[in-house]
C-alpha atoms as a PDB file:
ATOM      1  CA  MET A   1     107.340  84.550  44.089  1.00  0.00           C
ATOM      2  CA  LYS A   2     109.646  87.085  45.765  1.00  0.00           C
ATOM      3  CA  ILE A   3     109.266  90.816  45.216  1.00  0.00           C
ATOM      4  CA  HIS A   4     112.073  93.115  46.045  1.00  0.00           C
ATOM      5  CA  VAL A   5     111.337  97.082  46.448  1.00  0.00           C
ATOM      6  CA  TYR A   6     114.115  99.188  46.457  1.00  0.00           C
ATOM      7  CA  HIS A   7     113.420 103.006  47.489  1.00  0.00           C
ATOM      8  CA  HIS A   8     115.900 105.485  46.759  1.00  0.00           C
ATOM      9  CA  ILE A   9     115.993 109.323  47.973  1.00  0.00           C
ATOM     10  CA  CYS A  10     118.064 111.920  46.093  1.00  0.00           C
ATOM     11  CA  LEU A  11     118.537 114.673  48.395  1.00  0.00           C
ATOM     12  CA  ASP A  12     119.170 118.168  47.453  1.00  0.00           C
ATOM     13  CA  LYS A  13     121.612 120.356  49.597  1.00  0.00           C
ATOM     14  CA  LYS A  14     118.541 121.456  51.799  1.00  0.00           C
ATOM     15  CA  GLY A  15     117.497 118.102  52.525  1.00  0.00           C
ATOM     16  CA  SER A  16     121.018 116.854  53.131  1.00  0.00           C
ATOM     17  CA  ALA A  17     121.294 119.821  55.644  1.00  0.00           C
ATOM     18  CA  GLU A  18     118.085 118.914  57.365  1.00  0.00           C
ATOM     19  CA  LEU A  19     119.098 115.230  57.888  1.00  0.00           C
ATOM     20  CA  ASP A  20     122.279 116.705  59.199  1.00  0.00           C
ATOM     21  CA  VAL A  21     120.394 118.755  61.713  1.00  0.00           C
ATOM     22  CA  ILE A  22     118.297 115.956  62.696  1.00  0.00           C
ATOM     23  CA  SER A  23     121.358 113.442  63.010  1.00  0.00           C
ATOM     24  CA  GLY A  24     123.030 116.263  65.342  1.00  0.00           C
ATOM     25  CA  LYS A  25     119.853 116.508  67.512  1.00  0.00           C
ATOM     26  CA  LEU A  26     119.695 112.812  67.971  1.00  0.00           C
ATOM     27  CA  SER A  27     123.350 112.611  69.011  1.00  0.00           C
ATOM     28  CA  LEU A  28     122.752 115.445  71.516  1.00  0.00           C
ATOM     29  CA  ILE A  29     119.751 113.395  72.896  1.00  0.00           C
ATOM     30  CA  ILE A  30     121.955 110.351  73.276  1.00  0.00           C
ATOM     31  CA  ARG A  31     124.694 112.255  75.168  1.00  0.00           C
ATOM     32  CA  ASN A  32     122.114 113.947  77.459  1.00  0.00           C
ATOM     33  CA  GLN A  33     120.494 110.742  78.361  1.00  0.00           C
ATOM     34  CA  GLU A  34     123.819 109.383  79.349  1.00  0.00           C
ATOM     35  CA  LYS A  35     124.623 112.537  81.632  1.00  0.00           C
ATOM     36  CA  ILE A  36     120.991 112.043  83.134  1.00  0.00           C
ATOM     37  CA  MET A  37     121.842 108.379  83.841  1.00  0.00           C
ATOM     38  CA  ALA A  38     124.981 109.376  85.571  1.00  0.00           C
ATOM     39  CA  THR A  39     123.155 111.864  87.435  1.00  0.00           C
ATOM     40  CA  LEU A  40     120.520 109.313  88.837  1.00  0.00           C
ATOM     41  CA  ASP A  41     123.249 106.961  89.655  1.00  0.00           C
ATOM     42  CA  GLU A  42     124.855 109.651  92.015  1.00  0.00           C
ATOM     43  CA  THR A  43     121.483 110.364  93.505  1.00  0.00           C
ATOM     44  CA  LEU A  44     120.926 106.832  93.943  1.00  0.00           C
ATOM     45  CA  ALA A  45     124.267 106.650  95.755  1.00  0.00           C
ATOM     46  CA  ALA A  46     123.641 109.699  97.895  1.00  0.00           C
ATOM     47  CA  VAL A  47     120.157 108.463  98.867  1.00  0.00           C
ATOM     48  CA  THR A  48     121.873 105.126  99.866  1.00  0.00           C
ATOM     49  CA  ALA A  49     124.613 106.747 101.853  1.00  0.00           C
ATOM     50  CA  GLU A  50     121.745 108.764 103.796  1.00  0.00           C
ATOM     51  CA  ASP A  51     119.802 105.569 104.537  1.00  0.00           C
ATOM     52  CA  THR A  52     123.176 104.195 106.076  1.00  0.00           C
ATOM     53  CA  LYS A  53     123.486 107.433 108.083  1.00  0.00           C
ATOM     54  CA  VAL A  54     119.722 107.060 109.136  1.00  0.00           C
ATOM     55  CA  ASP A  55     120.445 103.265 110.323  1.00  0.00           C
ATOM     56  CA  SER A  56     123.356 104.544 112.151  1.00  0.00           C
ATOM     57  CA  ILE A  57     121.435 107.160 113.927  1.00  0.00           C
ATOM     58  CA  ILE A  58     118.756 104.698 114.802  1.00  0.00           C
ATOM     59  CA  ALA A  59     121.605 102.147 116.330  1.00  0.00           C
ATOM     60  CA  LEU A  60     123.010 105.198 118.231  1.00  0.00           C
ATOM     61  CA  LEU A  61     119.702 105.987 119.838  1.00  0.00           C
ATOM     62  CA  THR A  62     118.753 102.556 120.404  1.00  0.00           C
ATOM     63  CA  GLY A  63     122.062 102.165 122.379  1.00  0.00           C
ATOM     64  CA  ILE A  64     121.887 105.274 124.163  1.00  0.00           C
ATOM     65  CA  LYS A  65     118.262 104.263 125.439  1.00  0.00           C
ATOM     66  CA  ALA A  66     119.483 100.996 126.542  1.00  0.00           C
ATOM     67  CA  GLN A  67     122.310 102.719 128.529  1.00  0.00           C
ATOM     68  CA  LEU A  68     119.807 105.155 130.036  1.00  0.00           C
ATOM     69  CA  ASP A  69     117.531 102.412 131.256  1.00  0.00           C
ATOM     70  CA  ALA A  70     120.330 100.923 133.144  1.00  0.00           C
ATOM     71  CA  VAL A  71     121.443 104.223 134.746  1.00  0.00           C
ATOM     72  CA  LEU A  72     118.048 105.497 135.261  1.00  0.00           C
ATOM     73  CA  ALA A  73     117.314 102.437 137.405  1.00  0.00           C
ATOM     74  CA  GLY A  74     119.945 104.022 140.057  1.00  0.00           C
ATOM     75  CA  GLY A  75     119.099 107.707 139.140  1.00  0.00           C
ATOM     76  CA  LEU A  76     121.471 110.230 137.221  1.00  0.00           C
ATOM     77  CA  THR A  77     123.993 112.775 138.713  1.00  0.00           C
ATOM     78  CA  PRO A  78     123.604 116.471 137.088  1.00  0.00           C
ATOM     79  CA  GLU A  79     126.638 115.824 135.111  1.00  0.00           C
ATOM     80  CA  VAL A  80     125.454 112.930 133.404  1.00  0.00           C
ATOM     81  CA  GLN A  81     121.828 114.634 133.005  1.00  0.00           C
ATOM     82  CA  ALA A  82     123.586 117.329 131.070  1.00  0.00           C
ATOM     83  CA  LYS A  83     125.311 114.884 128.882  1.00  0.00           C
ATOM     84  CA  VAL A  84     122.078 113.013 128.205  1.00  0.00           C
ATOM     85  CA  ASP A  85     120.269 116.290 127.397  1.00  0.00           C
ATOM     86  CA  ALA A  86     123.150 117.403 125.020  1.00  0.00           C
ATOM     87  CA  ILE A  87     122.900 114.074 123.157  1.00  0.00           C
ATOM     88  CA  PHE A  88     119.370 114.384 122.650  1.00  0.00           C
ATOM     89  CA  ALA A  89     119.354 117.821 121.586  1.00  0.00           C
ATOM     90  CA  GLN A  90     121.905 116.895 118.995  1.00  0.00           C
ATOM     91  CA  ALA A  91     119.995 113.899 117.786  1.00  0.00           C
ATOM     92  CA  THR A  92     116.681 116.121 117.743  1.00  0.00           C
ATOM     93  CA  GLY A  93     118.372 118.898 115.602  1.00  0.00           C
ATOM     94  CA  SER A  94     119.530 116.131 113.185  1.00  0.00           C
ATOM     95  CA  ALA A  95     116.068 114.819 112.883  1.00  0.00           C
ATOM     96  CA  ALA A  96     114.697 118.244 112.189  1.00  0.00           C
ATOM     97  CA  LYS A  97     117.199 118.487 109.245  1.00  0.00           C
ATOM     98  CA  ILE A  98     116.151 115.119 107.850  1.00  0.00           C
ATOM     99  CA  ASP A  99     112.462 115.922 108.252  1.00  0.00           C
ATOM    100  CA  THR A 100     113.157 119.343 106.406  1.00  0.00           C
ATOM    101  CA  ALA A 101     114.830 117.754 103.530  1.00  0.00           C
ATOM    102  CA  ILE A 102     112.216 114.975 103.102  1.00  0.00           C
ATOM    103  CA  ALA A 103     109.413 117.713 103.173  1.00  0.00           C
ATOM    104  CA  ALA A 104     111.344 119.815 100.736  1.00  0.00           C
ATOM    105  CA  ASN A 105     111.488 116.845  98.078  1.00  0.00           C
ATOM    106  CA  THR A 106     108.310 115.282  98.413  1.00  0.00           C
ATOM    107  CA  PRO A 107     105.591 116.331  96.191  1.00  0.00           C
ATOM    108  CA  PRO A 108     102.099 117.378  97.814  1.00  0.00           C
ATOM    109  CA  ALA A 109      99.652 114.624  97.982  1.00  0.00           C
END
């Protein structure tokens, strides 16, 4: 035995207008969801780029340390010491910027 049930709704102008409002809001939600996803993609790309920069900084500092170890075996001239101090001052400033950005965007525990 098969039973088929058909349900029909006859909307007056008010009901039809309310459905139009609901449909409009649903369309707005869908459009905003697409915007949010695009923004998340942009944020992910920015974070990935920053990670690459951090890896570059790490490689730079590792290379500098290796060079310093070799030079320190024979001592540093004042000119070389000034360059080393400038490099580490710059790297420390960059690290402080990274620390500040992380602290500003990390929720408290």
